[in-house]
Amino acid sequence: MEQRYLGRSGLRVSRTALGTMTWGRDTDADEAATQLMAFADAGGTLVDTADVYVEGESERILGGLLKEVVPREELVIATKAVARRSDGPFGGGASRGALLTALDGSLRRLDVDHIDLWQLHAWDANVPLEETLTALDTAVTSGKVRYAGISNYSGWQLATAATLPTQHPIISTQVEYSLLERGIEREVAPAATHHGIGLLPWAPLGRGVLTGKYRNGTPPDSRGASAHFAGYVEQHRTERAARIVQAVTTAADGLGTSPLCVALAWVRDRPGVVAPVVGARDTNQLLGSLDAEQLTLPPAIRAALDDVSALELGYPERPMG
């Protein structure tokens, strides 16, 4: 698998990342082990989790697999903090105390001595950003974290975080980005490019909708049919989405590949993107995503997909003419 540098850093990661949001709920430890082996065998290195995924169980499972399945030094481990884990004074948020408490918890669950990429899961309007960034500096200086990133920040939030004085600049932002969700192209992606911050798209398959599985209903074994993710998937089941899925399916038929591969290759090779984060309920789904490594979309097909999913820009994002 091709390796790419993350932002303006020296950290190299695989151009597809493995997401673990379902580990511990829809994906048990044995299936997670099979997924991780398949991912590593394909040359994948970047594995993404968070302290709140299944109340920390995703981190615990990954930590166990680093001892038994894939050596820790062969992977780039990314996790997140800020989201609320408990009602205690340090149970969530982006204060110095909450962040450093969360970091120690992640290190304990992962059973590692450092995290390669530690990400702020969300913006916290209640805490001065200077305090938050100082906590990131403390984490990196201590050796517990190698690099810092952000997630789900708006354009102005990203730019503010990127320009405040820090010892260790932010190198990545994890945001939703797919043919169905191109909103980051208004301000987030331009700001990230300007400040040398790499994009890590989550939900690059439009929360599963771009695979085409929902074209004729809701499969009983899909996320759209689960109590946990039905609402999450439903947001992208619209008339506009149906038109885009049809275009993706037509492109896949013409290329002799799957809609999944077409959708993933499109976002993977967008400007500024380093590694889409793909999650899978089982190994067969993951292998379908890994097949996209062999696909580069022809310019004509990429242009057609750009057109059918085009983002309507208004003032001031659209240049005045």
Protein backbone atom coordinates (compact mmCIF):
# COMPACT_ATOMS: atom_id res chain seq x y z
CA MET A 1 0.00 0.00 0.00
CA GLU A 2 1.24 3.48 -0.87
CA GLN A 3 2.54 5.53 2.06
CA ARG A 4 1.99 9.27 2.39
CA TYR A 5 3.32 11.98 4.68
CA LEU A 6 0.74 13.36 7.09
CA GLY A 7 0.57 17.12 6.62
CA ARG A 8 3.89 18.92 6.87
CA SER A 9 5.26 16.31 9.25
CA GLY A 10 7.69 13.48 8.81
CA LEU A 11 5.06 10.92 9.85
CA ARG A 12 4.38 8.46 7.03
CA VAL A 13 1.12 6.52 7.04
CA SER A 14 -0.70 4.16 4.69
CA ARG A 15 -3.08 5.94 2.33
CA THR A 16 -5.96 3.93 3.79
CA ALA A 17 -6.55 3.88 7.54
CA LEU A 18 -8.37 1.19 9.51
CA GLY A 19 -11.20 2.48 11.70
CA THR A 20 -12.28 0.61 14.83
CA MET A 21 -15.55 2.28 15.85
CA THR A 22 -17.44 -1.05 15.73
CA TRP A 23 -14.84 -3.06 17.64
CA GLY A 24 -16.36 -4.33 20.84
CA ARG A 25 -19.97 -4.01 19.64
CA ASP A 26 -20.59 -5.27 16.10
CA THR A 27 -17.07 -6.67 15.71
CA ASP A 28 -15.74 -9.01 18.40
CA ALA A 29 -12.08 -9.46 19.31
CA ASP A 30 -11.55 -12.48 17.05
CA GLU A 31 -12.97 -10.72 14.01
CA ALA A 32 -10.98 -7.59 14.89
CA ALA A 33 -7.82 -9.71 14.92
CA THR A 34 -8.58 -11.04 11.46
CA GLN A 35 -9.22 -7.52 10.19
CA LEU A 36 -5.99 -6.19 11.64
CA MET A 37 -3.95 -9.03 10.11
CA ALA A 38 -5.54 -8.47 6.69
CA PHE A 39 -4.92 -4.74 6.92
CA ALA A 40 -1.28 -5.15 7.93
CA ASP A 41 -0.69 -7.84 5.28
CA ALA A 42 -1.91 -5.35 2.67
CA GLY A 43 0.64 -2.79 3.86
CA GLY A 44 -1.72 -0.78 6.04
CA THR A 45 -0.20 1.02 8.99
CA LEU A 46 -2.58 3.71 10.31
CA VAL A 47 -5.15 2.39 12.80
CA ASP A 48 -7.66 4.86 14.25
CA THR A 49 -9.69 4.57 17.44
CA ALA A 50 -11.05 6.81 20.22
CA ASP A 51 -11.45 6.70 23.96
CA VAL A 52 -15.26 6.73 23.69
CA TYR A 53 -15.71 3.98 21.12
CA VAL A 54 -17.82 1.38 22.92
CA GLU A 55 -16.88 2.88 26.29
CA GLY A 56 -13.19 2.27 25.64
CA GLU A 57 -13.57 -1.34 24.53
CA SER A 58 -12.24 -0.56 21.04
CA GLU A 59 -8.99 0.66 22.57
CA ARG A 60 -8.79 -2.39 24.85
CA ILE A 61 -9.24 -4.79 21.93
CA LEU A 62 -6.64 -2.98 19.85
CA GLY A 63 -4.21 -3.01 22.77
CA GLY A 64 -4.55 -6.77 23.10
CA LEU A 65 -3.97 -7.29 19.40
CA LEU A 66 -0.75 -5.27 19.50
CA LYS A 67 0.67 -7.98 21.71
CA GLU A 68 -0.72 -11.02 19.92
CA VAL A 69 -1.37 -10.22 16.25
CA VAL A 70 0.66 -7.34 14.78
CA PRO A 71 3.74 -5.87 16.49
CA ARG A 72 3.13 -2.40 17.86
CA GLU A 73 6.15 -0.97 16.01
CA GLU A 74 4.61 -1.91 12.63
CA LEU A 75 1.56 0.32 13.14
CA VAL A 76 0.76 4.00 13.56
CA ILE A 77 -1.73 4.16 16.43
CA ALA A 78 -4.16 7.09 16.46
CA THR A 79 -6.76 7.77 19.13
CA LYS A 80 -8.87 10.70 20.31
CA ALA A 81 -9.96 12.57 23.42
CA VAL A 82 -12.44 15.36 24.37
CA ALA A 83 -15.76 13.50 24.03
CA ARG A 84 -17.58 12.92 27.33
CA ARG A 85 -16.68 9.58 28.97
CA SER A 86 -18.12 10.15 32.44
CA ASP A 87 -19.77 12.79 34.62
CA GLY A 88 -16.66 13.46 36.69
CA PRO A 89 -14.70 16.74 36.58
CA PHE A 90 -12.14 15.20 34.23
CA GLY A 91 -14.54 12.93 32.34
CA GLY A 92 -14.50 14.88 29.09
CA GLY A 93 -13.78 18.20 27.42
CA ALA A 94 -10.61 19.91 26.28
CA SER A 95 -9.28 21.31 29.54
CA ARG A 96 -5.71 20.47 30.53
CA GLY A 97 -6.90 18.20 33.34
CA ALA A 98 -9.48 16.37 31.25
CA LEU A 99 -7.14 15.85 28.32
CA LEU A 100 -4.20 14.55 30.32
CA THR A 101 -6.53 12.28 32.30
CA ALA A 102 -7.96 10.96 29.03
CA LEU A 103 -4.47 10.40 27.66
CA ASP A 104 -3.46 8.27 30.62
CA GLY A 105 -6.65 6.25 30.24
CA SER A 106 -6.00 5.62 26.54
CA LEU A 107 -2.42 4.57 27.23
CA ARG A 108 -3.66 2.15 29.88
CA ARG A 109 -6.36 0.60 27.68
CA LEU A 110 -4.05 0.35 24.67
CA ASP A 111 -1.27 -0.91 26.96
CA VAL A 112 1.36 1.16 25.15
CA ASP A 113 3.87 3.74 26.32
CA HIS A 114 3.01 6.29 23.65
CA ILE A 115 0.39 7.20 21.05
CA ASP A 116 1.57 8.11 17.56
CA LEU A 117 -1.27 10.51 16.69
CA TRP A 118 -3.45 11.97 19.46
CA GLN A 119 -6.47 13.88 18.16
CA LEU A 120 -8.90 16.34 19.69
CA HIS A 121 -12.24 14.70 18.89
CA ALA A 122 -14.20 17.98 18.83
CA TRP A 123 -14.01 21.70 19.53
CA ASP A 124 -14.72 22.70 23.13
CA ALA A 125 -16.14 26.24 23.29
CA ASN A 126 -15.95 26.25 27.09
CA VAL A 127 -12.17 26.00 27.29
CA PRO A 128 -9.64 28.57 26.02
CA LEU A 129 -7.90 27.12 23.01
CA GLU A 130 -4.55 28.21 24.45
CA GLU A 131 -5.11 25.86 27.40
CA THR A 132 -6.04 22.99 25.09
CA LEU A 133 -3.01 23.45 22.85
CA THR A 134 -0.71 23.75 25.85
CA ALA A 135 -2.00 20.35 27.00
CA LEU A 136 -1.12 18.93 23.59
CA ASP A 137 2.37 20.38 23.89
CA THR A 138 2.71 18.82 27.35
CA ALA A 139 1.63 15.43 25.98
CA VAL A 140 4.17 15.52 23.15
CA THR A 141 7.00 16.88 25.29
CA SER A 142 6.40 14.13 27.85
CA GLY A 143 6.92 11.46 25.19
CA LYS A 144 3.43 10.02 25.67
CA VAL A 145 2.37 11.41 22.29
CA ARG A 146 4.38 11.74 19.09
CA TYR A 147 2.09 13.97 16.98
CA ALA A 148 -1.14 15.90 17.57
CA GLY A 149 -4.21 16.33 15.39
CA ILE A 150 -7.79 17.60 15.50
CA SER A 151 -11.16 16.29 14.37
CA ASN A 152 -14.49 17.83 13.38
CA TYR A 153 -13.20 21.42 13.51
CA SER A 154 -14.72 24.07 11.27
CA GLY A 155 -12.53 26.14 8.98
CA TRP A 156 -12.07 29.07 11.37
CA GLN A 157 -11.46 26.72 14.29
CA LEU A 158 -8.79 24.86 12.35
CA ALA A 159 -7.11 28.09 11.25
CA THR A 160 -7.11 29.42 14.80
CA ALA A 161 -5.59 26.22 16.17
CA ALA A 162 -2.99 26.24 13.41
CA THR A 163 -1.85 29.80 14.00
CA LEU A 164 -1.63 30.05 17.78
CA PRO A 165 1.97 29.68 19.00
CA THR A 166 2.73 26.07 19.97
CA GLN A 167 5.83 23.94 20.30
CA HIS A 168 4.33 21.09 18.32
CA PRO A 169 1.98 22.11 15.48
CA ILE A 170 -1.13 20.17 14.59
CA ILE A 171 -0.51 17.90 11.59
CA SER A 172 -3.93 16.45 10.74
CA THR A 173 -7.68 16.92 10.87
CA GLN A 174 -10.19 14.10 10.74
CA VAL A 175 -13.46 15.15 9.10
CA GLU A 176 -16.40 13.60 7.31
CA TYR A 177 -15.73 13.67 3.56
CA SER A 178 -17.23 11.69 0.71
CA LEU A 179 -19.10 12.10 -2.55
CA LEU A 180 -22.21 12.60 -0.39
CA GLU A 181 -20.62 15.04 2.06
CA ARG A 182 -18.35 17.62 0.46
CA GLY A 183 -19.00 20.45 2.91
CA ILE A 184 -15.36 20.63 4.00
CA GLU A 185 -14.49 21.97 0.54
CA ARG A 186 -16.00 25.33 1.51
CA GLU A 187 -13.48 26.31 4.18
CA VAL A 188 -11.96 23.36 6.06
CA ALA A 189 -10.02 21.83 3.17
CA PRO A 190 -8.62 25.17 1.91
CA ALA A 191 -7.59 26.11 5.46
CA ALA A 192 -5.96 22.71 5.98
CA THR A 193 -4.03 23.00 2.73
CA HIS A 194 -2.89 26.54 3.56
CA HIS A 195 -1.61 25.49 6.97
CA GLY A 196 -0.07 22.17 5.91
CA ILE A 197 -2.56 19.99 7.77
CA GLY A 198 -3.41 16.60 6.27
CA LEU A 199 -7.01 15.45 5.79
CA LEU A 200 -8.16 12.12 7.24
CA PRO A 201 -11.71 11.59 5.92
CA TRP A 202 -14.11 9.61 8.09
CA ALA A 203 -17.21 8.00 6.54
CA PRO A 204 -15.54 8.07 3.08
CA LEU A 205 -18.24 5.67 1.83
CA GLY A 206 -21.06 8.02 2.79
CA ARG A 207 -21.82 6.00 5.94
CA GLY A 208 -22.15 2.91 3.74
CA VAL A 209 -24.69 4.42 1.33
CA LEU A 210 -22.15 4.74 -1.52
CA THR A 211 -21.64 0.97 -1.59
CA GLY A 212 -25.11 0.71 -3.15
CA LYS A 213 -26.40 -1.68 -0.50
CA TYR A 214 -29.38 0.57 0.33
CA ARG A 215 -30.62 1.10 -3.22
CA ASN A 216 -33.48 -1.37 -2.84
CA GLY A 217 -34.14 -1.20 0.87
CA THR A 218 -32.32 -1.81 4.13
CA PRO A 219 -30.44 -5.13 4.38
CA PRO A 220 -31.17 -6.73 7.77
CA ASP A 221 -27.46 -7.20 8.54
CA SER A 222 -26.49 -3.61 7.66
CA ARG A 223 -25.71 -0.64 9.90
CA GLY A 224 -28.87 0.99 8.62
CA ALA A 225 -30.88 -1.78 10.29
CA SER A 226 -29.06 -1.60 13.64
CA ALA A 227 -30.27 0.29 16.68
CA HIS A 228 -26.86 1.96 17.05
CA PHE A 229 -26.39 3.27 13.51
CA ALA A 230 -29.81 3.56 11.82
CA GLY A 231 -30.02 7.33 12.32
CA TYR A 232 -26.36 7.74 11.38
CA VAL A 233 -26.98 6.09 7.99
CA GLU A 234 -30.38 7.68 7.39
CA GLN A 235 -28.86 11.17 7.07
CA HIS A 236 -27.43 10.21 3.68
CA ARG A 237 -30.46 8.40 2.26
CA THR A 238 -31.81 11.28 0.19
CA GLU A 239 -32.85 11.87 -3.43
CA ARG A 240 -29.54 13.65 -4.09
CA ALA A 241 -27.66 10.70 -2.63
CA ALA A 242 -29.60 8.29 -4.83
CA ARG A 243 -28.47 10.18 -7.95
CA ILE A 244 -24.84 10.07 -6.80
CA VAL A 245 -25.04 6.37 -5.93
CA GLN A 246 -26.42 5.68 -9.41
CA ALA A 247 -23.47 7.52 -10.96
CA VAL A 248 -21.01 5.60 -8.78
CA THR A 249 -22.65 2.31 -9.72
CA THR A 250 -22.52 3.16 -13.44
CA ALA A 251 -18.83 4.03 -13.13
CA ALA A 252 -18.13 0.79 -11.28
CA ASP A 253 -19.88 -1.26 -13.95
CA GLY A 254 -17.83 0.43 -16.64
CA LEU A 255 -14.56 -0.16 -14.80
CA GLY A 256 -15.35 -3.73 -13.78
CA THR A 257 -15.06 -2.96 -10.09
CA SER A 258 -17.32 -2.26 -7.11
CA PRO A 259 -19.13 0.98 -6.17
CA LEU A 260 -17.21 0.81 -2.89
CA CYS A 261 -13.86 0.95 -4.70
CA VAL A 262 -14.99 3.83 -6.92
CA ALA A 263 -16.23 5.91 -3.98
CA LEU A 264 -13.13 5.23 -1.91
CA ALA A 265 -10.70 5.94 -4.75
CA TRP A 266 -12.48 9.24 -5.44
CA VAL A 267 -12.03 10.61 -1.92
CA ARG A 268 -8.58 9.05 -1.38
CA ASP A 269 -7.15 11.04 -4.28
CA ARG A 270 -8.80 14.38 -3.56
CA PRO A 271 -6.46 17.32 -2.94
CA GLY A 272 -5.10 17.36 0.59
CA VAL A 273 -6.38 13.91 1.52
CA VAL A 274 -3.83 11.62 3.15
CA ALA A 275 -5.82 8.56 4.25
CA PRO A 276 -9.57 7.85 4.36
CA VAL A 277 -10.57 5.97 7.51
CA VAL A 278 -12.53 2.84 6.60
CA GLY A 279 -14.41 0.79 9.14
CA ALA A 280 -15.83 -2.66 8.52
CA ARG A 281 -18.13 -4.98 10.40
CA ASP A 282 -16.25 -8.01 9.12
CA THR A 283 -13.11 -8.91 7.17
CA ASN A 284 -14.90 -9.38 3.86
CA GLN A 285 -16.06 -5.77 4.00
CA LEU A 286 -12.54 -4.63 4.80
CA LEU A 287 -11.07 -6.62 1.92
CA GLY A 288 -13.52 -4.84 -0.38
CA SER A 289 -12.08 -1.51 0.76
CA LEU A 290 -8.51 -2.74 0.36
CA ASP A 291 -9.28 -3.66 -3.26
CA ALA A 292 -9.47 0.08 -3.97
CA GLU A 293 -5.69 0.25 -3.60
CA GLN A 294 -5.46 -1.10 -7.17
CA LEU A 295 -7.82 1.51 -8.63
CA THR A 296 -7.06 4.96 -10.01
CA LEU A 297 -10.10 6.64 -11.52
CA PRO A 298 -9.77 7.79 -15.15
CA PRO A 299 -10.04 11.59 -15.49
CA ALA A 300 -13.37 11.41 -17.35
CA ILE A 301 -15.02 9.34 -14.63
CA ARG A 302 -13.58 11.50 -11.87
CA ALA A 303 -14.94 14.60 -13.64
CA ALA A 304 -18.38 13.02 -13.99
CA LEU A 305 -18.47 12.16 -10.29
CA ASP A 306 -17.30 15.67 -9.43
CA ASP A 307 -20.18 17.10 -11.44
CA VAL A 308 -22.96 14.91 -10.06
CA SER A 309 -21.88 15.56 -6.47
CA ALA A 310 -20.82 19.19 -6.93
CA LEU A 311 -21.00 21.41 -3.89
CA GLU A 312 -22.93 24.63 -4.35
CA LEU A 313 -20.67 27.44 -3.23
CA GLY A 314 -21.96 30.86 -2.32
CA TYR A 315 -20.37 34.11 -1.31
CA PRO A 316 -17.64 34.38 -0.03
CA GLU A 317 -16.40 30.89 -0.94
CA ARG A 318 -17.32 31.44 -4.59
CA PRO A 319 -14.96 34.00 -6.16
CA MET A 320 -16.65 37.23 -7.22
CA GLY A 321 -16.94 37.62 -10.95
